[in-house]
PDB file of N, CA and C in Angstrom:
ATOM      1  N   UNK A   1      -3.194  70.889 -19.639  1.00  0.00           N
ATOM      2  CA  UNK A   1      -3.485  69.706 -18.850  1.00  0.00           C
ATOM      3  C   UNK A   1      -2.233  69.242 -18.118  1.00  0.00           C
ATOM      4  N   UNK A   2      -2.410  68.854 -16.893  1.00  0.00           N
ATOM      5  CA  UNK A   2      -1.300  68.340 -16.100  1.00  0.00           C
ATOM      6  C   UNK A   2      -1.076  66.868 -16.458  1.00  0.00           C
ATOM      7  N   UNK A   3       0.181  66.446 -16.458  1.00  0.00           N
ATOM      8  CA  UNK A   3       0.443  65.031 -16.770  1.00  0.00           C
ATOM      9  C   UNK A   3      -0.080  64.127 -15.656  1.00  0.00           C
ATOM     10  N   UNK A   4      -0.608  62.987 -16.043  1.00  0.00           N
ATOM     11  CA  UNK A   4      -1.155  62.037 -15.071  1.00  0.00           C
ATOM     12  C   UNK A   4      -0.022  61.336 -14.337  1.00  0.00           C
ATOM     13  N   UNK A   5      -0.222  61.151 -13.050  1.00  0.00           N
ATOM     14  CA  UNK A   5       0.781  60.454 -12.251  1.00  0.00           C
ATOM     15  C   UNK A   5       0.613  58.947 -12.437  1.00  0.00           C
ATOM     16  N   UNK A   6       1.714  58.284 -12.694  1.00  0.00           N
ATOM     17  CA  UNK A   6       1.649  56.843 -12.935  1.00  0.00           C
ATOM     18  C   UNK A   6       1.587  56.042 -11.638  1.00  0.00           C
ATOM     19  N   UNK A   7       2.266  56.473 -10.621  1.00  0.00           N
ATOM     20  CA  UNK A   7       2.359  55.696  -9.390  1.00  0.00           C
ATOM     21  C   UNK A   7       1.179  55.850  -8.454  1.00  0.00           C
ATOM     22  N   UNK A   8       0.320  56.836  -8.672  1.00  0.00           N
ATOM     23  CA  UNK A   8      -0.743  57.097  -7.712  1.00  0.00           C
ATOM     24  C   UNK A   8      -1.971  56.218  -7.919  1.00  0.00           C
ATOM     25  N   UNK A   9      -2.078  55.578  -9.063  1.00  0.00           N
ATOM     26  CA  UNK A   9      -3.254  54.741  -9.308  1.00  0.00           C
ATOM     27  C   UNK A   9      -3.117  53.431  -8.545  1.00  0.00           C
ATOM     28  N   UNK A  10      -4.201  53.032  -7.893  1.00  0.00           N
ATOM     29  CA  UNK A  10      -4.188  51.782  -7.139  1.00  0.00           C
ATOM     30  C   UNK A  10      -5.161  50.808  -7.778  1.00  0.00           C
ATOM     31  N   UNK A  11      -4.775  49.551  -7.767  1.00  0.00           N
ATOM     32  CA  UNK A  11      -5.649  48.511  -8.304  1.00  0.00           C
ATOM     33  C   UNK A  11      -6.699  48.164  -7.263  1.00  0.00           C
ATOM     34  N   UNK A  12      -7.893  47.984  -7.728  1.00  0.00           N
ATOM     35  CA  UNK A  12      -8.948  47.505  -6.845  1.00  0.00           C
ATOM     36  C   UNK A  12      -9.274  46.092  -7.290  1.00  0.00           C
ATOM     37  N   UNK A  13      -8.886  45.150  -6.500  1.00  0.00           N
ATOM     38  CA  UNK A  13      -9.112  43.754  -6.846  1.00  0.00           C
ATOM     39  C   UNK A  13      -8.805  42.884  -5.655  1.00  0.00           C
ATOM     40  N   UNK A  14      -8.770  41.604  -5.920  1.00  0.00           N
ATOM     41  CA  UNK A  14      -8.497  40.666  -4.849  1.00  0.00           C
ATOM     42  C   UNK A  14      -7.012  40.591  -4.552  1.00  0.00           C
ATOM     43  N   UNK A  15      -6.725  40.294  -3.330  1.00  0.00           N
ATOM     44  CA  UNK A  15      -5.342  40.094  -2.920  1.00  0.00           C
ATOM     45  C   UNK A  15      -4.848  38.769  -3.484  1.00  0.00           C
ATOM     46  N   UNK A  16      -3.574  38.683  -3.777  1.00  0.00           N
ATOM     47  CA  UNK A  16      -3.004  37.443  -4.300  1.00  0.00           C
ATOM     48  C   UNK A  16      -3.038  36.338  -3.251  1.00  0.00           C
ATOM     49  N   UNK A  17      -3.081  36.704  -1.989  1.00  0.00           N
ATOM     50  CA  UNK A  17      -3.101  35.715  -0.917  1.00  0.00           C
ATOM     51  C   UNK A  17      -4.432  34.967  -0.903  1.00  0.00           C
ATOM     52  N   UNK A  18      -5.527  35.667  -1.143  1.00  0.00           N
ATOM     53  CA  UNK A  18      -6.846  35.055  -1.059  1.00  0.00           C
ATOM     54  C   UNK A  18      -7.306  34.433  -2.370  1.00  0.00           C
ATOM     55  N   UNK A  19      -6.508  34.531  -3.409  1.00  0.00           N
ATOM     56  CA  UNK A  19      -6.917  34.008  -4.707  1.00  0.00           C
ATOM     57  C   UNK A  19      -6.737  32.490  -4.743  1.00  0.00           C
ATOM     58  N   UNK A  20      -7.754  31.788  -5.218  1.00  0.00           N
ATOM     59  CA  UNK A  20      -7.709  30.336  -5.305  1.00  0.00           C
ATOM     60  C   UNK A  20      -7.036  29.951  -6.617  1.00  0.00           C
ATOM     61  N   UNK A  21      -6.066  29.055  -6.527  1.00  0.00           N
ATOM     62  CA  UNK A  21      -5.339  28.607  -7.710  1.00  0.00           C
ATOM     63  C   UNK A  21      -5.637  27.136  -7.925  1.00  0.00           C
ATOM     64  N   UNK A  22      -6.007  26.779  -9.135  1.00  0.00           N
ATOM     65  CA  UNK A  22      -6.290  25.398  -9.471  1.00  0.00           C
ATOM     66  C   UNK A  22      -5.357  24.967 -10.585  1.00  0.00           C
ATOM     67  N   UNK A  23      -4.684  23.849 -10.387  1.00  0.00           N
ATOM     68  CA  UNK A  23      -3.781  23.310 -11.395  1.00  0.00           C
ATOM     69  C   UNK A  23      -4.031  21.824 -11.532  1.00  0.00           C
ATOM     70  N   UNK A  24      -3.716  21.281 -12.695  1.00  0.00           N
ATOM     71  CA  UNK A  24      -3.875  19.850 -12.932  1.00  0.00           C
ATOM     72  C   UNK A  24      -2.514  19.224 -13.155  1.00  0.00           C
ATOM     73  N   UNK A  25      -2.255  18.134 -12.449  1.00  0.00           N
ATOM     74  CA  UNK A  25      -1.004  17.400 -12.564  1.00  0.00           C
ATOM     75  C   UNK A  25      -1.314  15.922 -12.746  1.00  0.00           C
ATOM     76  N   UNK A  26      -0.357  15.200 -13.306  1.00  0.00           N
ATOM     77  CA  UNK A  26      -0.416  13.748 -13.354  1.00  0.00           C
ATOM     78  C   UNK A  26       0.685  13.231 -12.442  1.00  0.00           C
ATOM     79  N   UNK A  27       0.294  12.447 -11.446  1.00  0.00           N
ATOM     80  CA  UNK A  27       1.243  11.949 -10.458  1.00  0.00           C
ATOM     81  C   UNK A  27       1.333  10.432 -10.593  1.00  0.00           C
ATOM     82  N   UNK A  28       2.554   9.906 -10.602  1.00  0.00           N
ATOM     83  CA  UNK A  28       2.758   8.464 -10.625  1.00  0.00           C
ATOM     84  C   UNK A  28       2.639   7.945  -9.194  1.00  0.00           C
ATOM     85  N   UNK A  29       1.461   7.423  -8.870  1.00  0.00           N
ATOM     86  CA  UNK A  29       1.197   6.928  -7.519  1.00  0.00           C
ATOM     87  C   UNK A  29       1.942   5.615  -7.279  1.00  0.00           C
ATOM     88  N   UNK A  30       2.102   4.808  -8.329  1.00  0.00           N
ATOM     89  CA  UNK A  30       2.700   3.484  -8.183  1.00  0.00           C
ATOM     90  C   UNK A  30       4.072   3.547  -7.528  1.00  0.00           C
ATOM     91  N   UNK A  31       4.899   4.468  -7.976  1.00  0.00           N
ATOM     92  CA  UNK A  31       6.248   4.531  -7.405  1.00  0.00           C
ATOM     93  C   UNK A  31       6.249   5.076  -5.984  1.00  0.00           C
ATOM     94  N   UNK A  32       5.190   5.756  -5.597  1.00  0.00           N
ATOM     95  CA  UNK A  32       5.134   6.312  -4.251  1.00  0.00           C
ATOM     96  C   UNK A  32       4.568   5.337  -3.225  1.00  0.00           C
ATOM     97  N   UNK A  33       3.761   4.358  -3.676  1.00  0.00           N
ATOM     98  CA  UNK A  33       3.187   3.404  -2.720  1.00  0.00           C
ATOM     99  C   UNK A  33       3.712   1.990  -2.947  1.00  0.00           C
ATOM    100  N   UNK A  34       4.773   1.851  -3.717  1.00  0.00           N
ATOM    101  CA  UNK A  34       5.373   0.537  -3.964  1.00  0.00           C
ATOM    102  C   UNK A  34       5.907  -0.036  -2.655  1.00  0.00           C
ATOM    103  N   UNK A  35       5.515  -1.269  -2.351  1.00  0.00           N
ATOM    104  CA  UNK A  35       5.999  -1.921  -1.138  1.00  0.00           C
ATOM    105  C   UNK A  35       5.169  -1.645   0.094  1.00  0.00           C
ATOM    106  N   UNK A  36       4.080  -0.907  -0.047  1.00  0.00           N
ATOM    107  CA  UNK A  36       3.211  -0.595   1.089  1.00  0.00           C
ATOM    108  C   UNK A  36       2.137  -1.675   1.172  1.00  0.00           C
ATOM    109  N   UNK A  37       1.776  -2.073   2.378  1.00  0.00           N
ATOM    110  CA  UNK A  37       0.764  -3.102   2.578  1.00  0.00           C
ATOM    111  C   UNK A  37      -0.594  -2.705   2.017  1.00  0.00           C
ATOM    112  N   UNK A  38      -1.418  -3.703   1.744  1.00  0.00           N
ATOM    113  CA  UNK A  38      -2.689  -3.489   1.048  1.00  0.00           C
ATOM    114  C   UNK A  38      -3.602  -2.494   1.766  1.00  0.00           C
ATOM    115  N   UNK A  39      -3.743  -2.614   3.074  1.00  0.00           N
ATOM    116  CA  UNK A  39      -4.662  -1.740   3.805  1.00  0.00           C
ATOM    117  C   UNK A  39      -4.140  -0.320   3.956  1.00  0.00           C
ATOM    118  N   UNK A  40      -2.854  -0.126   3.808  1.00  0.00           N
ATOM    119  CA  UNK A  40      -2.260   1.197   3.986  1.00  0.00           C
ATOM    120  C   UNK A  40      -2.096   1.954   2.672  1.00  0.00           C
ATOM    121  N   UNK A  41      -2.430   1.330   1.538  1.00  0.00           N
ATOM    122  CA  UNK A  41      -2.137   1.932   0.240  1.00  0.00           C
ATOM    123  C   UNK A  41      -2.944   3.201  -0.030  1.00  0.00           C
ATOM    124  N   UNK A  42      -4.244   3.182   0.225  1.00  0.00           N
ATOM    125  CA  UNK A  42      -5.079   4.360  -0.055  1.00  0.00           C
ATOM    126  C   UNK A  42      -4.713   5.540   0.857  1.00  0.00           C
ATOM    127  N   UNK A  43      -4.565   5.330   2.179  1.00  0.00           N
ATOM    128  CA  UNK A  43      -4.152   6.466   3.010  1.00  0.00           C
ATOM    129  C   UNK A  43      -2.782   7.005   2.630  1.00  0.00           C
ATOM    130  N   UNK A  44      -1.850   6.124   2.276  1.00  0.00           N
ATOM    131  CA  UNK A  44      -0.520   6.572   1.873  1.00  0.00           C
ATOM    132  C   UNK A  44      -0.598   7.344   0.565  1.00  0.00           C
ATOM    133  N   UNK A  45      -1.466   6.899  -0.359  1.00  0.00           N
ATOM    134  CA  UNK A  45      -1.613   7.605  -1.635  1.00  0.00           C
ATOM    135  C   UNK A  45      -2.101   9.032  -1.399  1.00  0.00           C
ATOM    136  N   UNK A  46      -3.064   9.206  -0.498  1.00  0.00           N
ATOM    137  CA  UNK A  46      -3.563  10.546  -0.198  1.00  0.00           C
ATOM    138  C   UNK A  46      -2.482  11.406   0.447  1.00  0.00           C
ATOM    139  N   UNK A  47      -1.684  10.815   1.327  1.00  0.00           N
ATOM    140  CA  UNK A  47      -0.589  11.564   1.951  1.00  0.00           C
ATOM    141  C   UNK A  47       0.439  11.987   0.915  1.00  0.00           C
ATOM    142  N   UNK A  48       0.717  11.096  -0.038  1.00  0.00           N
ATOM    143  CA  UNK A  48       1.698  11.407  -1.080  1.00  0.00           C
ATOM    144  C   UNK A  48       1.173  12.492  -2.021  1.00  0.00           C
ATOM    145  N   UNK A  49      -0.122  12.453  -2.324  1.00  0.00           N
ATOM    146  CA  UNK A  49      -0.726  13.495  -3.166  1.00  0.00           C
ATOM    147  C   UNK A  49      -0.635  14.841  -2.458  1.00  0.00           C
ATOM    148  N   UNK A  50      -0.955  14.844  -1.165  1.00  0.00           N
ATOM    149  CA  UNK A  50      -0.894  16.081  -0.386  1.00  0.00           C
ATOM    150  C   UNK A  50       0.544  16.609  -0.308  1.00  0.00           C
ATOM    151  N   UNK A  51       1.506  15.709  -0.113  1.00  0.00           N
ATOM    152  CA  UNK A  51       2.910  16.105  -0.034  1.00  0.00           C
ATOM    153  C   UNK A  51       3.388  16.688  -1.367  1.00  0.00           C
ATOM    154  N   UNK A  52       2.982  16.057  -2.476  1.00  0.00           N
ATOM    155  CA  UNK A  52       3.349  16.552  -3.802  1.00  0.00           C
ATOM    156  C   UNK A  52       2.768  17.944  -4.035  1.00  0.00           C
ATOM    157  N   UNK A  53       1.507  18.131  -3.662  1.00  0.00           N
ATOM    158  CA  UNK A  53       0.859  19.430  -3.856  1.00  0.00           C
ATOM    159  C   UNK A  53       1.509  20.506  -2.992  1.00  0.00           C
ATOM    160  N   UNK A  54       1.904  20.160  -1.769  1.00  0.00           N
ATOM    161  CA  UNK A  54       2.584  21.135  -0.910  1.00  0.00           C
ATOM    162  C   UNK A  54       3.901  21.568  -1.532  1.00  0.00           C
ATOM    163  N   UNK A  55       4.624  20.612  -2.112  1.00  0.00           N
ATOM    164  CA  UNK A  55       5.914  20.933  -2.723  1.00  0.00           C
ATOM    165  C   UNK A  55       5.731  21.798  -3.972  1.00  0.00           C
ATOM    166  N   UNK A  56       4.765  21.450  -4.817  1.00  0.00           N
ATOM    167  CA  UNK A  56       4.566  22.163  -6.078  1.00  0.00           C
ATOM    168  C   UNK A  56       3.975  23.559  -5.875  1.00  0.00           C
ATOM    169  N   UNK A  57       3.009  23.669  -4.971  1.00  0.00           N
ATOM    170  CA  UNK A  57       2.318  24.936  -4.776  1.00  0.00           C
ATOM    171  C   UNK A  57       3.013  25.826  -3.746  1.00  0.00           C
ATOM    172  N   UNK A  58       3.866  25.243  -2.931  1.00  0.00           N
ATOM    173  CA  UNK A  58       4.606  26.033  -1.959  1.00  0.00           C
ATOM    174  C   UNK A  58       3.764  26.526  -0.803  1.00  0.00           C
ATOM    175  N   UNK A  59       2.763  25.760  -0.407  1.00  0.00           N
ATOM    176  CA  UNK A  59       1.910  26.160   0.704  1.00  0.00           C
ATOM    177  C   UNK A  59       1.499  24.927   1.503  1.00  0.00           C
ATOM    178  N   UNK A  60       1.378  25.041   2.816  1.00  0.00           N
ATOM    179  CA  UNK A  60       0.933  23.896   3.608  1.00  0.00           C
ATOM    180  C   UNK A  60      -0.580  23.677   3.560  1.00  0.00           C
ATOM    181  N   UNK A  61      -1.332  24.635   3.028  1.00  0.00           N
ATOM    182  CA  UNK A  61      -2.791  24.534   2.966  1.00  0.00           C
ATOM    183  C   UNK A  61      -3.194  23.862   1.658  1.00  0.00           C
ATOM    184  N   UNK A  62      -3.338  22.533   1.696  1.00  0.00           N
ATOM    185  CA  UNK A  62      -3.695  21.760   0.505  1.00  0.00           C
ATOM    186  C   UNK A  62      -5.016  21.072   0.774  1.00  0.00           C
ATOM    187  N   UNK A  63      -5.951  21.234  -0.148  1.00  0.00           N
ATOM    188  CA  UNK A  63      -7.257  20.604  -0.002  1.00  0.00           C
ATOM    189  C   UNK A  63      -7.496  19.692  -1.192  1.00  0.00           C
ATOM    190  N   UNK A  64      -7.821  18.448  -0.894  1.00  0.00           N
ATOM    191  CA  UNK A  64      -8.034  17.448  -1.936  1.00  0.00           C
ATOM    192  C   UNK A  64      -9.529  17.328  -2.181  1.00  0.00           C
ATOM    193  N   UNK A  65      -9.905  17.333  -3.454  1.00  0.00           N
ATOM    194  CA  UNK A  65     -11.308  17.241  -3.838  1.00  0.00           C
ATOM    195  C   UNK A  65     -11.899  15.919  -3.351  1.00  0.00           C
ATOM    196  N   UNK A  66     -13.159  15.944  -2.956  1.00  0.00           N
ATOM    197  CA  UNK A  66     -13.797  14.744  -2.415  1.00  0.00           C
ATOM    198  C   UNK A  66     -13.917  13.648  -3.464  1.00  0.00           C
ATOM    199  N   UNK A  67     -14.092  14.025  -4.736  1.00  0.00           N
ATOM    200  CA  UNK A  67     -14.181  13.003  -5.787  1.00  0.00           C
ATOM    201  C   UNK A  67     -12.858  12.266  -5.948  1.00  0.00           C
ATOM    202  N   UNK A  68     -11.749  12.980  -5.831  1.00  0.00           N
ATOM    203  CA  UNK A  68     -10.437  12.339  -5.902  1.00  0.00           C
ATOM    204  C   UNK A  68     -10.232  11.431  -4.699  1.00  0.00           C
ATOM    205  N   UNK A  69     -10.656  11.889  -3.545  1.00  0.00           N
ATOM    206  CA  UNK A  69     -10.507  11.093  -2.327  1.00  0.00           C
ATOM    207  C   UNK A  69     -11.327   9.806  -2.423  1.00  0.00           C
ATOM    208  N   UNK A  70     -12.556   9.907  -2.900  1.00  0.00           N
ATOM    209  CA  UNK A  70     -13.413   8.731  -3.018  1.00  0.00           C
ATOM    210  C   UNK A  70     -12.874   7.742  -4.046  1.00  0.00           C
ATOM    211  N   UNK A  71     -12.325   8.259  -5.151  1.00  0.00           N
ATOM    212  CA  UNK A  71     -11.811   7.350  -6.174  1.00  0.00           C
ATOM    213  C   UNK A  71     -10.547   6.641  -5.703  1.00  0.00           C
ATOM    214  N   UNK A  72      -9.757   7.278  -4.853  1.00  0.00           N
ATOM    215  CA  UNK A  72      -8.546   6.627  -4.361  1.00  0.00           C
ATOM    216  C   UNK A  72      -8.871   5.592  -3.281  1.00  0.00           C
ATOM    217  N   UNK A  73      -9.922   5.819  -2.519  1.00  0.00           N
ATOM    218  CA  UNK A  73     -10.292   4.878  -1.465  1.00  0.00           C
ATOM    219  C   UNK A  73     -11.085   3.694  -2.003  1.00  0.00           C
ATOM    220  N   UNK A  74     -11.713   3.863  -3.156  1.00  0.00           N
ATOM    221  CA  UNK A  74     -12.597   2.826  -3.691  1.00  0.00           C
ATOM    222  C   UNK A  74     -11.955   1.773  -4.474  1.00  0.00           C
TER     223      UNK A  74
END
């Protein structure tokens, strides 16, 4: 029997680029929106969440769940 080549086998699977990654974090919103006017607090909170996620995940494509968005606006 001939020895099997180790480098010739290719993985058949999804690309790492297209793989969806989900992580859970706890963010202190209070320190990020301290001193912001009442009407601007919810939009600023969403911007800060998006900015935090961009920094942590290392990608500009950040999507916030609608339930999180509704709870922050309500």
